Structure formats: C-alpha cells, structure tokens
Amino acid sequence: MSVVTTPRRAPRVALRWALAGLTAGLLACAGSGAPARQDFAGPAAKWRGAAADLLSRSLQFETVNPPGNEAPLARFLADWALAQGLEAEVVELPDPRAPRGRAALVVRVRGRGTPGAVILLSHLDVVPAGDEGWEAPPFAGTRVGEAVVGRGALDAKGVTVTHLIAALRLAVRERPLARDLLVIAVPDEEKGGLGGAAALIEKRPDLVDGARYLLGEGGSISPGITGRRSLWAVGFTEKSPCWLDVRAKGLSGHGASGQRGTAVQRLLRALGRIQDLPFPVRVVPEVARTFRSLAPLAPEGDEGHWIDLRRSLSEDPDFRERFLAEPGQAARVRDTLAITRLRSGDGYNRLTDEAVAGLDLRLLPGGDCAATAARLREAIDDPAVTVEVHLAFESRSSPVETALMAAIEGAARKLDPGALVAPSLQLGWSDAHWFRARGVVAYGFVPRRLRPIDLRSIHGPGERLTIDNLVLGIEGTVSILEELDRDR
C-alpha cells in the first residue's frame, strides 16, 4: 500500500484500511454460513437492501487482475444462486498465475423451449484500486449513504449482481420466458479476455452455440447532450484495442558518465515522433450510424450535420472545428493514442540498457493494429527501437434492426418516456466481441443512470453504485427481457 497524501495521517489511514480490508477479506472467504434464500419478488422496497448486501459481499473479494483469483467469488455467487433455487455452475479456467484459481459463473433459467438463448454477460475481475481518493476501503464493500463503494461497484460486479437478481425475478414468474436465460460472469476481461470469455467459449462452446442475443456492460442512461432528453446509449460496436510496447536499447553505465545514445534518450525521441503523428478523421459506417441516431440530441443547429456527418466534416470547416473540439466526439472519428506506461532502470546513478513505453491505441472499426505498428516504426526510424504488439483484436459489430433493440425501446417507453434509444459506438472494449464472432447479437447496455462523476470513477478512485441505480438496473433488465419475450 502506497503512502497517502497527508504524511501525518498516512499510518493511521493505512492501518485502518488494512484492518478493514483484512476483516472484509475474512468475511468474504469464510462467509457467515450457507447463503439464505431471499425473497426478491414484489416491489423494490422489499428487496433493495438485500440487493445492496449482495453487491457489498461481492466487492469484498479482491479480484484485481492480474492475477484475478476470481474462483472464490464465482463459487460464492454460485452458492447464492443455488440457495435461491437457480441452476448454477462454476466453470474452472486454470491459470498458473492465479494461486486461488480462475473460474466463470454460469446461471441458467430454463425457458419454454424457444430456440436462441439470451445471455447476460459481465466479468468478475477488476483493475487495481490504489490507495488515494477513496472515502472507504476499496475492498470492504462499504455502504456510504445510499451507495455501495468499492472497486468493481460499476465495472463490473454491480452488473453481475444486477443480472443475477434480474434472472431470479424472471425465474419466479408464473409463466417462464420463451427462451433460456444464461447469466455468465467471466474472469480476465480487464486484460483482454483470453483467459476468460475466450477460454470459456473454447471449453464450453455449448453455452454459446445457438445463443441469439446478449446484453453486457457498456452503454447506460445519461442526460442528453443538450439536457433535453434522457439518452439510452446502446453499444452495438466498439473501438478495438491495439496495445503496443515501444522498446529502446542503448548504452548502459554510470549516471555520471555523460553518455549519449542511452535507451531512455532513444525512447524519448521515439515517443516525441509518435506523438506528432496525425490520425486522420474517418467517418466509418458505424460512426455515421451512431451520430445519425444521436442527431435529435445534437447542439442547436447541428442536427442536420450529425445526420450526414461525413459530408459535414469534409465541407463545413466551422462545424468541423467545433465538433472536433469535444474530446468524446473527436475520439469517435479518429484512432487515438495514449502513452500509459514507462519503465526503465532501478537507480538514479545507473544507465540501463533498455527502456520501454506502453501505448494504448484505440482503433475505429476496420482498423489494423499490425499496420498501425508498422506506421509507428517508420515514424520512429531508429533501428535500436522496436514496436511490438502486446494485445490486439478485431472490432466487430451487431445489427441494430433486431428484436432485442426493439425490446430496449419498449422498456424505455415504459420506464423513461421520451428517452432516445440510440445505437452507439463504444470507445472502450468489452468481451462482447468474442460472442459476436460466434454469431450472437450483442449489445452493451445496462439500464442505470450514470452521471459524468460516476463515469470518471470507473478505473478511478471512489467507484460507487447507488442503490437506486442498482434497483433501476435490475428492473430495467427485467423489463427489457419481458419486452423481448413478447416478440420471441
């Protein structure tokens, strides 16, 4: 644990958090006996506290990836589901880097036999929490007012709990759903999913073969850009990751030697050249579809520009300037590059022979990571500097004219009259692409109202999910699946 900002308080805060984390960890591992059966039928006032408690318990499992160690949480949630009368299994996905094991949770609600199961997808791993900026220990699952605070509250243990309770509420209906419903929570999403969703599909293809629809993390409900209407942003495609390692070799020696051509010098020069590279504006079909959907919420006077974004950006310089001035919009019409990691040496007085930078590039649909890496090598133009692909996969899209999209629109009319449901390109990635590759129509959407401050807490300090949002997510997911059942 690193030292907190205020030196005098650091030992006290660190000790308090360490004790709180130890207590929470012991409770999470040992539990308080077998999970009890709970009543999640009826109005939310009856079960909102129990839902918050389940999220709190889930946050107490420290599943930071790497190494993940998600298996204990998967077993805990499977035991909970079994206690509620649901079918549940834990699919072990061995990984020697995770001493406590990696596993996926699978819960099934049997339908009436209509082909084409529906999958509710989330993940059990989380990113590191850090020590600063938290009002409560990040792995204690603390209730602070009307919210549950902790790493994973939003991304994505809150999604897992939402899906589990939604499935339970659907399971106790007098008339079962037409299709089978599968709740799947996987490990390893935060590191690309090779040890999670991809491994699960390889080991258990029966869970995916024949599935028709999937709902997972990604989009949410937010105020419209102009504040006029709510926006239900439904992810139908994503930018793809292109993670690169830029590795420089150079002379080693003593820091006082005054040597030139060191690894750090070469790396800094290479990064400067990379940062100067232009990434052109490209309105690919998925981007055009996104802004056409969002056009009713465009700033005053720009609706027509958004409807025909490609033409407007190429022919109207004033519109182009103000459109690209907004970072979220600019990131949807060009590839982006961020330098996220730097590593070199272990002492002030030692010149190391290697320096490495990690780059996070996000490519628009149709982008090619290998070609992008080659472009960076050409720009660097230094034989002592290499550019290696660390992680990359292809962006995939789902059609938007589907019964599931219509079901989301139906739920919006019922729960949020006047809201705009807009198929959208997501800037981040999820595990949905693994399932899209198998022919599943996959959308990133959890019906919860997230403010900008909530979105900033994802992968940051102070991550929290309000109990109202947890309830909304559960009721909204139930509503979507009930609407879908009308279509079948």
Protein backbone atom coordinates (compact mmCIF):
# COMPACT_ATOMS: atom_id res chain seq x y z
CA MET A 1 0.00 0.00 0.00
CA SER A 2 1.47 3.34 -1.01
CA VAL A 3 1.60 6.32 1.34
CA VAL A 4 -1.45 8.58 1.31
CA THR A 5 -1.19 12.28 0.56
CA THR A 6 -1.01 13.70 4.11
CA PRO A 7 2.10 12.29 5.84
CA ARG A 8 0.86 12.65 9.41
CA ARG A 9 -2.32 10.72 8.74
CA ALA A 10 -0.81 8.09 6.48
CA PRO A 11 -0.02 5.43 9.11
CA ARG A 12 -3.44 5.75 10.76
CA VAL A 13 -5.33 5.65 7.45
CA ALA A 14 -3.20 2.82 6.09
CA LEU A 15 -3.70 0.78 9.26
CA ARG A 16 -7.45 1.43 9.28
CA TRP A 17 -7.78 0.39 5.67
CA ALA A 18 -5.53 -2.62 6.15
CA LEU A 19 -7.65 -3.82 9.08
CA ALA A 20 -10.87 -3.10 7.21
CA GLY A 21 -9.59 -4.94 4.16
CA LEU A 22 -8.45 -7.90 6.26
CA THR A 23 -11.82 -8.09 8.01
CA ALA A 24 -13.70 -7.85 4.72
CA GLY A 25 -11.47 -10.47 3.14
CA LEU A 26 -12.01 -12.89 6.01
CA LEU A 27 -15.77 -12.36 5.81
CA ALA A 28 -15.74 -12.84 2.05
CA CYS A 29 -13.75 -16.05 2.26
CA ALA A 30 -15.42 -17.53 5.30
CA GLY A 31 -18.91 -16.09 4.84
CA SER A 32 -21.49 -16.39 7.57
CA GLY A 33 -22.74 -19.90 6.83
CA ALA A 34 -24.61 -21.08 3.75
CA PRO A 35 -26.39 -18.34 1.80
CA ALA A 36 -30.01 -17.97 2.82
CA ARG A 37 -32.94 -17.99 0.45
CA GLN A 38 -34.23 -14.45 -0.03
CA ASP A 39 -37.46 -13.02 -1.40
CA PHE A 40 -36.84 -10.82 -4.43
CA ALA A 41 -40.44 -10.82 -5.60
CA GLY A 42 -42.70 -7.81 -5.31
CA PRO A 43 -41.80 -4.11 -5.09
CA ALA A 44 -38.20 -2.98 -4.81
CA ALA A 45 -38.74 -1.59 -1.31
CA LYS A 46 -38.82 -5.20 -0.10
CA TRP A 47 -35.52 -6.33 -1.61
CA ARG A 48 -33.32 -3.30 -2.31
CA GLY A 49 -31.40 -3.81 0.94
CA ALA A 50 -30.72 -7.46 0.12
CA ALA A 51 -29.51 -6.46 -3.35
CA ALA A 52 -27.11 -3.92 -1.85
CA ASP A 53 -25.85 -6.54 0.61
CA LEU A 54 -25.07 -8.98 -2.21
CA LEU A 55 -23.10 -6.29 -4.04
CA SER A 56 -21.26 -5.40 -0.84
CA ARG A 57 -20.26 -9.03 -0.27
CA SER A 58 -19.10 -9.36 -3.88
CA LEU A 59 -16.85 -6.29 -3.58
CA GLN A 60 -15.09 -7.86 -0.60
CA PHE A 61 -13.45 -10.44 -2.89
CA GLU A 62 -10.20 -8.85 -4.07
CA THR A 63 -10.14 -9.93 -7.71
CA VAL A 64 -7.54 -7.49 -9.04
CA ASN A 65 -6.27 -8.60 -12.43
CA PRO A 66 -3.52 -9.72 -12.57
CA PRO A 67 -3.74 -12.36 -11.23
CA GLY A 68 -7.53 -12.22 -10.83
CA ASN A 69 -8.18 -15.07 -8.39
CA GLU A 70 -11.86 -14.92 -9.35
CA ALA A 71 -12.74 -18.53 -8.45
CA PRO A 72 -13.71 -17.86 -4.79
CA LEU A 73 -16.14 -15.14 -5.90
CA ALA A 74 -17.58 -17.38 -8.63
CA ARG A 75 -18.18 -20.12 -6.03
CA PHE A 76 -19.74 -17.68 -3.57
CA LEU A 77 -22.18 -16.38 -6.18
CA ALA A 78 -22.96 -19.90 -7.39
CA ASP A 79 -23.81 -20.91 -3.81
CA TRP A 80 -26.02 -17.84 -3.50
CA ALA A 81 -27.81 -18.67 -6.77
CA LEU A 82 -28.32 -22.30 -5.74
CA ALA A 83 -29.79 -21.15 -2.42
CA GLN A 84 -32.34 -19.10 -4.38
CA GLY A 85 -33.36 -22.19 -6.37
CA LEU A 86 -31.49 -21.31 -9.57
CA GLU A 87 -29.33 -23.65 -11.66
CA ALA A 88 -25.70 -22.64 -11.24
CA GLU A 89 -22.27 -23.98 -12.05
CA VAL A 90 -18.69 -22.84 -11.74
CA VAL A 91 -16.53 -23.47 -14.80
CA GLU A 92 -12.88 -23.69 -13.77
CA LEU A 93 -10.42 -21.96 -16.12
CA PRO A 94 -6.99 -22.90 -14.73
CA ASP A 95 -4.24 -20.30 -14.79
CA PRO A 96 -0.91 -20.93 -13.02
CA ARG A 97 -0.57 -17.19 -12.34
CA ALA A 98 -3.68 -17.21 -10.10
CA PRO A 99 -2.94 -19.25 -6.94
CA ARG A 100 -6.58 -19.15 -5.80
CA GLY A 101 -7.91 -20.08 -9.20
CA ARG A 102 -9.84 -18.56 -12.06
CA ALA A 103 -13.38 -19.50 -12.95
CA ALA A 104 -16.56 -18.34 -14.64
CA LEU A 105 -20.04 -18.34 -13.14
CA VAL A 106 -22.91 -19.71 -15.23
CA VAL A 107 -26.54 -19.48 -14.05
CA ARG A 108 -29.39 -20.79 -16.20
CA VAL A 109 -33.11 -20.02 -16.10
CA ARG A 110 -34.98 -22.54 -18.23
CA GLY A 111 -37.43 -21.20 -20.79
CA ARG A 112 -40.35 -22.74 -22.63
CA GLY A 113 -38.19 -24.22 -25.36
CA THR A 114 -37.97 -21.44 -27.96
CA PRO A 115 -34.54 -21.68 -29.63
CA GLY A 116 -32.00 -18.91 -29.18
CA ALA A 117 -30.89 -18.35 -25.59
CA VAL A 118 -30.32 -14.87 -24.18
CA ILE A 119 -27.02 -14.21 -22.37
CA LEU A 120 -26.46 -11.61 -19.65
CA LEU A 121 -22.68 -11.09 -19.60
CA SER A 122 -20.40 -9.45 -17.03
CA HIS A 123 -16.96 -10.03 -15.51
CA LEU A 124 -15.59 -10.74 -12.05
CA ASP A 125 -12.10 -9.24 -12.30
CA VAL A 126 -11.25 -5.61 -11.52
CA VAL A 127 -8.39 -3.19 -12.09
CA PRO A 128 -6.12 -2.12 -9.20
CA ALA A 129 -7.66 0.37 -6.77
CA GLY A 130 -4.75 2.44 -5.50
CA ASP A 131 -4.88 4.00 -2.03
CA GLU A 132 -5.74 7.65 -2.59
CA GLY A 133 -9.07 9.32 -3.22
CA TRP A 134 -11.25 6.69 -1.55
CA GLU A 135 -13.66 7.62 1.23
CA ALA A 136 -13.85 3.96 2.27
CA PRO A 137 -11.54 0.96 1.75
CA PRO A 138 -11.89 -0.18 -1.88
CA PHE A 139 -12.36 -3.86 -0.99
CA ALA A 140 -14.65 -3.54 2.03
CA GLY A 141 -17.94 -3.07 0.16
CA THR A 142 -18.89 -0.21 2.47
CA ARG A 143 -22.33 1.38 2.40
CA VAL A 144 -21.87 5.16 2.31
CA GLY A 145 -25.25 6.80 2.48
CA GLU A 146 -27.41 5.34 -0.29
CA ALA A 147 -24.49 3.89 -2.26
CA VAL A 148 -22.13 0.92 -2.14
CA VAL A 149 -18.48 1.97 -2.52
CA GLY A 150 -15.68 -0.22 -3.80
CA ARG A 151 -13.60 -1.29 -6.76
CA GLY A 152 -15.93 -3.10 -9.14
CA ALA A 153 -19.16 -1.44 -7.99
CA LEU A 154 -19.72 -0.20 -11.55
CA ASP A 155 -17.16 -2.22 -13.51
CA ALA A 156 -18.48 -4.83 -13.32
CA LYS A 157 -19.57 -6.65 -10.14
CA GLY A 158 -22.54 -4.33 -9.95
CA VAL A 159 -23.50 -5.63 -13.40
CA THR A 160 -23.13 -9.23 -12.21
CA VAL A 161 -25.42 -8.63 -9.23
CA THR A 162 -27.90 -6.79 -11.45
CA HIS A 163 -28.04 -9.74 -13.84
CA LEU A 164 -28.35 -12.35 -11.08
CA ILE A 165 -31.26 -10.66 -9.34
CA ALA A 166 -32.98 -9.86 -12.64
CA ALA A 167 -32.71 -13.55 -13.57
CA LEU A 168 -34.11 -14.55 -10.20
CA ARG A 169 -37.08 -12.21 -10.56
CA LEU A 170 -37.78 -13.67 -14.00
CA ALA A 171 -37.38 -17.23 -12.73
CA VAL A 172 -40.23 -16.88 -10.22
CA ARG A 173 -42.76 -15.65 -12.79
CA GLU A 174 -45.82 -17.83 -13.23
CA ARG A 175 -45.12 -18.09 -16.96
CA PRO A 176 -41.47 -18.82 -17.85
CA LEU A 177 -39.69 -16.86 -20.54
CA ALA A 178 -39.81 -18.38 -24.02
CA ARG A 179 -36.03 -18.63 -24.32
CA ASP A 180 -33.44 -19.92 -21.88
CA LEU A 181 -31.65 -17.16 -19.99
CA LEU A 182 -27.95 -17.52 -19.15
CA VAL A 183 -26.14 -15.28 -16.67
CA ILE A 184 -22.42 -15.55 -17.38
CA ALA A 185 -19.73 -13.77 -15.35
CA VAL A 186 -16.18 -14.36 -16.56
CA PRO A 187 -12.64 -13.64 -15.37
CA ASP A 188 -9.90 -11.72 -17.17
CA GLU A 189 -11.94 -9.13 -19.08
CA GLU A 190 -9.71 -6.29 -17.92
CA LYS A 191 -6.66 -7.88 -19.58
CA GLY A 192 -8.32 -8.78 -22.87
CA GLY A 193 -10.37 -11.87 -22.07
CA LEU A 194 -8.08 -14.59 -23.42
CA GLY A 195 -8.13 -16.26 -20.00
CA GLY A 196 -11.84 -15.51 -19.52
CA ALA A 197 -14.51 -15.26 -22.21
CA ALA A 198 -12.30 -16.76 -24.93
CA ALA A 199 -11.24 -19.65 -22.68
CA LEU A 200 -14.83 -20.27 -21.58
CA ILE A 201 -16.11 -20.39 -25.16
CA GLU A 202 -13.33 -22.80 -26.10
CA LYS A 203 -14.00 -25.06 -23.11
CA ARG A 204 -17.80 -24.84 -23.16
CA PRO A 205 -18.98 -23.98 -26.68
CA ASP A 206 -22.39 -25.39 -25.74
CA LEU A 207 -23.03 -22.23 -23.73
CA VAL A 208 -22.77 -20.07 -26.84
CA ASP A 209 -23.80 -22.27 -29.74
CA GLY A 210 -27.39 -21.47 -30.55
CA ALA A 211 -27.50 -18.35 -28.36
CA ARG A 212 -29.21 -15.47 -30.13
CA TYR A 213 -28.87 -12.33 -28.02
CA LEU A 214 -26.52 -10.89 -25.40
CA LEU A 215 -26.67 -7.89 -23.07
CA GLY A 216 -23.48 -6.80 -21.32
CA GLU A 217 -21.60 -3.82 -19.96
CA GLY A 218 -21.02 -0.67 -21.96
CA GLY A 219 -23.85 1.75 -22.58
CA SER A 220 -26.03 3.32 -19.92
CA ILE A 221 -28.64 6.04 -19.40
CA SER A 222 -27.47 9.64 -19.33
CA PRO A 223 -28.91 13.13 -19.80
CA GLY A 224 -28.99 14.19 -23.42
CA ILE A 225 -26.15 16.32 -24.73
CA THR A 226 -28.38 19.39 -24.51
CA GLY A 227 -30.15 18.23 -21.35
CA ARG A 228 -33.48 17.93 -23.16
CA ARG A 229 -34.00 14.15 -23.10
CA SER A 230 -32.55 11.07 -21.48
CA LEU A 231 -30.25 9.07 -23.71
CA TRP A 232 -30.22 5.28 -23.68
CA ALA A 233 -26.90 4.64 -25.44
CA VAL A 234 -26.79 1.02 -26.60
CA GLY A 235 -23.38 -0.21 -27.72
CA PHE A 236 -23.56 -2.18 -30.96
CA THR A 237 -19.85 -1.95 -31.77
CA GLU A 238 -16.59 -0.87 -30.12
CA LYS A 239 -13.23 0.60 -30.95
CA SER A 240 -10.65 -2.16 -30.79
CA PRO A 241 -7.52 -2.15 -28.62
CA CYS A 242 -4.06 -2.00 -30.11
CA TRP A 243 -1.63 -2.20 -27.20
CA LEU A 244 1.99 -1.71 -28.21
CA ASP A 245 5.33 -1.95 -26.42
CA VAL A 246 7.93 0.53 -27.67
CA ARG A 247 11.30 -0.87 -26.59
CA ALA A 248 14.56 1.08 -26.89
CA LYS A 249 18.07 -0.35 -26.48
CA GLY A 250 21.08 1.80 -25.64
CA LEU A 251 24.36 2.15 -23.81
CA SER A 252 24.48 1.29 -20.12
CA GLY A 253 26.84 2.59 -17.47
CA HIS A 254 27.21 5.07 -14.64
CA GLY A 255 24.81 8.02 -14.47
CA ALA A 256 27.75 10.44 -14.20
CA SER A 257 29.41 9.23 -17.39
CA GLY A 258 27.66 11.71 -19.68
CA GLN A 259 26.99 9.05 -22.30
CA ARG A 260 24.83 9.76 -25.32
CA GLY A 261 22.62 7.28 -27.10
CA THR A 262 21.14 5.82 -23.95
CA ALA A 263 17.97 3.75 -24.02
CA VAL A 264 15.99 6.48 -22.27
CA GLN A 265 17.17 9.13 -24.74
CA ARG A 266 16.22 6.93 -27.68
CA LEU A 267 12.83 6.16 -26.18
CA LEU A 268 12.02 9.81 -25.51
CA ARG A 269 12.97 10.74 -29.06
CA ALA A 270 10.80 7.90 -30.40
CA LEU A 271 7.81 8.94 -28.30
CA GLY A 272 8.14 12.52 -29.49
CA ARG A 273 7.96 11.37 -33.09
CA ILE A 274 4.96 9.17 -32.35
CA GLN A 275 3.06 11.98 -30.65
CA ASP A 276 3.50 14.15 -33.73
CA LEU A 277 1.78 11.59 -35.96
CA PRO A 278 -1.59 12.76 -37.29
CA PHE A 279 -4.55 10.40 -37.07
CA PRO A 280 -6.96 11.42 -39.84
CA VAL A 281 -10.68 11.90 -39.34
CA ARG A 282 -12.60 8.90 -40.68
CA VAL A 283 -16.37 8.55 -40.59
CA VAL A 284 -16.72 4.78 -40.94
CA PRO A 285 -20.26 3.37 -41.37
CA GLU A 286 -20.58 2.50 -37.66
CA VAL A 287 -19.71 6.08 -36.71
CA ALA A 288 -22.14 7.52 -39.25
CA ARG A 289 -24.85 5.26 -37.78
CA THR A 290 -24.02 6.41 -34.25
CA PHE A 291 -24.33 10.13 -34.94
CA ARG A 292 -27.40 9.67 -37.11
CA SER A 293 -29.03 8.01 -34.07
CA LEU A 294 -27.83 10.79 -31.76
CA ALA A 295 -28.89 13.64 -34.05
CA PRO A 296 -32.06 14.54 -32.08
CA LEU A 297 -29.76 15.45 -29.16
CA ALA A 298 -27.26 17.45 -31.20
CA PRO A 299 -26.48 21.04 -30.18
CA GLU A 300 -28.85 23.59 -31.62
CA GLY A 301 -28.36 23.95 -35.36
CA ASP A 302 -26.22 20.83 -35.71
CA GLU A 303 -28.85 18.10 -36.10
CA GLY A 304 -28.54 18.14 -39.88
CA HIS A 305 -24.75 17.99 -39.61
CA TRP A 306 -24.94 14.90 -37.41
CA ILE A 307 -27.38 13.19 -39.77
CA ASP A 308 -24.80 13.45 -42.57
CA LEU A 309 -21.61 13.61 -40.55
CA ARG A 310 -19.18 12.59 -43.27
CA ARG A 311 -20.25 15.35 -45.64
CA SER A 312 -20.48 17.95 -42.87
CA LEU A 313 -16.97 17.30 -41.58
CA SER A 314 -15.50 17.46 -45.07
CA GLU A 315 -17.41 20.50 -46.35
CA ASP A 316 -18.11 22.76 -43.35
CA PRO A 317 -14.91 23.97 -41.63
CA ASP A 318 -16.75 25.82 -38.85
CA PHE A 319 -18.73 22.72 -37.92
CA ARG A 320 -15.61 20.57 -38.15
CA GLU A 321 -13.73 22.83 -35.73
CA ARG A 322 -16.43 22.86 -33.05
CA PHE A 323 -17.22 19.15 -33.47
CA LEU A 324 -13.59 18.07 -33.04
CA ALA A 325 -13.13 20.41 -30.06
CA GLU A 326 -15.22 18.00 -27.97
CA PRO A 327 -12.89 15.09 -26.99
CA GLY A 328 -15.57 12.41 -26.84
CA GLN A 329 -16.76 13.28 -30.34
CA ALA A 330 -13.25 13.56 -31.76
CA ALA A 331 -12.38 10.12 -30.38
CA ARG A 332 -15.27 8.62 -32.34
CA VAL A 333 -13.99 9.81 -35.71
CA ARG A 334 -10.28 9.01 -35.45
CA ASP A 335 -7.91 6.49 -33.94
CA THR A 336 -6.39 7.61 -30.63
CA LEU A 337 -3.04 7.05 -28.93
CA ALA A 338 -2.15 7.35 -25.25
CA ILE A 339 1.21 6.69 -23.60
CA THR A 340 0.20 4.81 -20.47
CA ARG A 341 3.36 3.09 -19.17
CA LEU A 342 7.04 3.96 -18.82
CA ARG A 343 9.71 1.64 -17.42
CA SER A 344 13.47 2.00 -17.18
CA GLY A 345 16.18 1.40 -14.62
CA ASP A 346 16.20 0.94 -10.88
CA GLY A 347 18.56 3.65 -9.65
CA TYR A 348 19.37 7.35 -10.01
CA ASN A 349 23.02 6.68 -10.83
CA ARG A 350 22.65 3.81 -13.30
CA LEU A 351 22.07 3.99 -17.04
CA THR A 352 20.02 0.96 -18.01
CA ASP A 353 20.39 -0.64 -21.43
CA GLU A 354 16.62 -0.84 -22.02
CA ALA A 355 13.64 1.49 -21.71
CA VAL A 356 10.05 0.55 -22.52
CA ALA A 357 6.85 2.52 -23.07
CA GLY A 358 3.35 1.07 -23.25
CA LEU A 359 0.92 2.58 -25.75
CA ASP A 360 -2.86 2.25 -25.68
CA LEU A 361 -4.21 2.84 -29.17
CA ARG A 362 -7.94 2.52 -29.87
CA LEU A 363 -8.79 1.86 -33.49
CA LEU A 364 -12.03 2.54 -35.31
CA PRO A 365 -13.84 -0.45 -36.82
CA GLY A 366 -11.81 -1.71 -39.74
CA GLY A 367 -8.51 -0.59 -38.18
CA ASP A 368 -5.43 -2.82 -38.43
CA CYS A 369 -3.11 -2.97 -35.43
CA ALA A 370 -0.23 -4.56 -37.36
CA ALA A 371 -0.39 -1.82 -39.99
CA THR A 372 -0.55 0.84 -37.27
CA ALA A 373 2.52 -0.62 -35.56
CA ALA A 374 4.36 -0.57 -38.90
CA ARG A 375 3.45 3.10 -39.34
CA LEU A 376 4.90 3.90 -35.91
CA ARG A 377 8.12 2.02 -36.71
CA GLU A 378 8.50 4.07 -39.89
CA ALA A 379 7.95 7.31 -37.98
CA ILE A 380 10.46 6.37 -35.25
CA ASP A 381 13.11 5.43 -37.83
CA ASP A 382 15.61 4.06 -35.30
CA PRO A 383 17.00 0.50 -35.56
CA ALA A 384 17.56 0.49 -31.79
CA VAL A 385 13.83 0.93 -31.13
CA THR A 386 11.28 -1.82 -31.71
CA VAL A 387 7.49 -1.69 -31.70
CA GLU A 388 5.79 -4.91 -30.62
CA VAL A 389 2.09 -5.78 -30.45
CA HIS A 390 1.10 -6.73 -26.90
CA LEU A 391 -2.66 -7.11 -27.41
CA ALA A 392 -4.96 -6.64 -30.38
CA PHE A 393 -8.26 -7.94 -31.63
CA GLU A 394 -10.71 -7.03 -34.35
CA SER A 395 -13.67 -4.75 -33.76
CA ARG A 396 -16.99 -6.45 -34.51
CA SER A 397 -20.48 -5.04 -34.86
CA SER A 398 -24.02 -6.29 -34.34
CA PRO A 399 -27.03 -5.34 -36.47
CA VAL A 400 -29.30 -2.73 -34.91
CA GLU A 401 -32.64 -3.64 -36.50
CA THR A 402 -33.37 -6.53 -34.14
CA ALA A 403 -36.00 -7.71 -31.69
CA LEU A 404 -33.61 -7.01 -28.81
CA MET A 405 -33.18 -3.37 -29.83
CA ALA A 406 -36.97 -3.11 -30.15
CA ALA A 407 -37.26 -4.57 -26.64
CA ILE A 408 -34.89 -1.92 -25.27
CA GLU A 409 -37.01 0.75 -26.96
CA GLY A 410 -40.14 -0.75 -25.41
CA ALA A 411 -38.59 -0.74 -21.94
CA ALA A 412 -37.52 2.89 -22.42
CA ARG A 413 -41.08 3.91 -23.33
CA LYS A 414 -42.33 2.27 -20.14
CA LEU A 415 -39.61 3.36 -17.69
CA ASP A 416 -38.37 6.63 -19.20
CA PRO A 417 -40.99 8.19 -21.51
CA GLY A 418 -39.47 10.48 -24.10
CA ALA A 419 -35.99 8.95 -23.86
CA LEU A 420 -33.95 8.48 -27.02
CA VAL A 421 -32.63 4.96 -27.62
CA ALA A 422 -29.51 5.32 -29.77
CA PRO A 423 -27.29 2.53 -31.11
CA SER A 424 -23.78 3.80 -30.41
CA LEU A 425 -20.12 3.04 -30.93
CA GLN A 426 -18.37 2.48 -27.58
CA LEU A 427 -14.91 3.91 -27.04
CA GLY A 428 -13.86 1.13 -24.67
CA TRP A 429 -13.97 -2.57 -25.33
CA SER A 430 -15.79 -5.41 -23.61
CA ASP A 431 -15.99 -9.18 -24.00
CA ALA A 432 -18.92 -8.81 -26.40
CA HIS A 433 -16.66 -9.22 -29.44
CA TRP A 434 -15.90 -12.85 -28.51
CA PHE A 435 -19.61 -13.61 -28.74
CA ARG A 436 -20.24 -11.50 -31.84
CA ALA A 437 -17.61 -13.64 -33.55
CA ARG A 438 -19.86 -16.66 -32.85
CA GLY A 439 -22.90 -15.02 -34.43
CA VAL A 440 -24.56 -13.70 -31.25
CA VAL A 441 -26.26 -10.29 -31.47
CA ALA A 442 -24.52 -8.49 -28.60
CA TYR A 443 -25.31 -5.07 -27.15
CA GLY A 444 -23.50 -3.18 -24.42
CA PHE A 445 -26.20 -1.72 -22.21
CA VAL A 446 -27.09 -1.72 -18.52
CA PRO A 447 -30.11 0.47 -17.65
CA ARG A 448 -28.69 2.72 -14.95
CA ARG A 449 -28.33 6.50 -14.86
CA LEU A 450 -24.66 7.39 -14.74
CA ARG A 451 -23.54 10.98 -14.26
CA PRO A 452 -20.15 12.19 -15.51
CA ILE A 453 -18.79 11.87 -11.95
CA ASP A 454 -19.88 8.22 -11.90
CA LEU A 455 -18.24 7.51 -15.24
CA ARG A 456 -14.97 9.10 -14.07
CA SER A 457 -14.85 6.73 -11.09
CA ILE A 458 -14.65 3.69 -13.39
CA HIS A 459 -10.98 2.63 -13.09
CA GLY A 460 -10.53 5.63 -10.77
CA PRO A 461 -10.90 6.32 -7.04
CA GLY A 462 -14.26 6.47 -5.32
CA GLU A 463 -16.05 3.96 -7.56
CA ARG A 464 -19.61 3.56 -6.31
CA LEU A 465 -23.06 2.39 -7.34
CA THR A 466 -26.11 4.00 -5.79
CA ILE A 467 -28.75 1.59 -4.57
CA ASP A 468 -31.30 3.43 -6.71
CA ASN A 469 -29.15 2.65 -9.77
CA LEU A 470 -28.78 -0.97 -8.72
CA VAL A 471 -32.57 -1.26 -8.47
CA LEU A 472 -33.07 0.55 -11.78
CA GLY A 473 -30.63 -1.81 -13.47
CA ILE A 474 -32.49 -4.84 -12.15
CA GLU A 475 -35.95 -3.56 -13.02
CA GLY A 476 -34.79 -2.24 -16.39
CA THR A 477 -33.17 -5.55 -17.33
CA VAL A 478 -36.32 -7.43 -16.34
CA SER A 479 -38.40 -5.03 -18.43
CA ILE A 480 -36.16 -5.47 -21.50
CA LEU A 481 -36.36 -9.26 -21.29
CA GLU A 482 -40.12 -9.18 -20.77
CA GLU A 483 -40.44 -6.96 -23.85
CA LEU A 484 -38.25 -9.38 -25.80
CA ASP A 485 -40.47 -12.25 -24.68
CA ARG A 486 -43.42 -10.59 -26.38
CA ASP A 487 -41.57 -10.91 -29.69
CA ARG A 488 -39.95 -14.33 -29.29
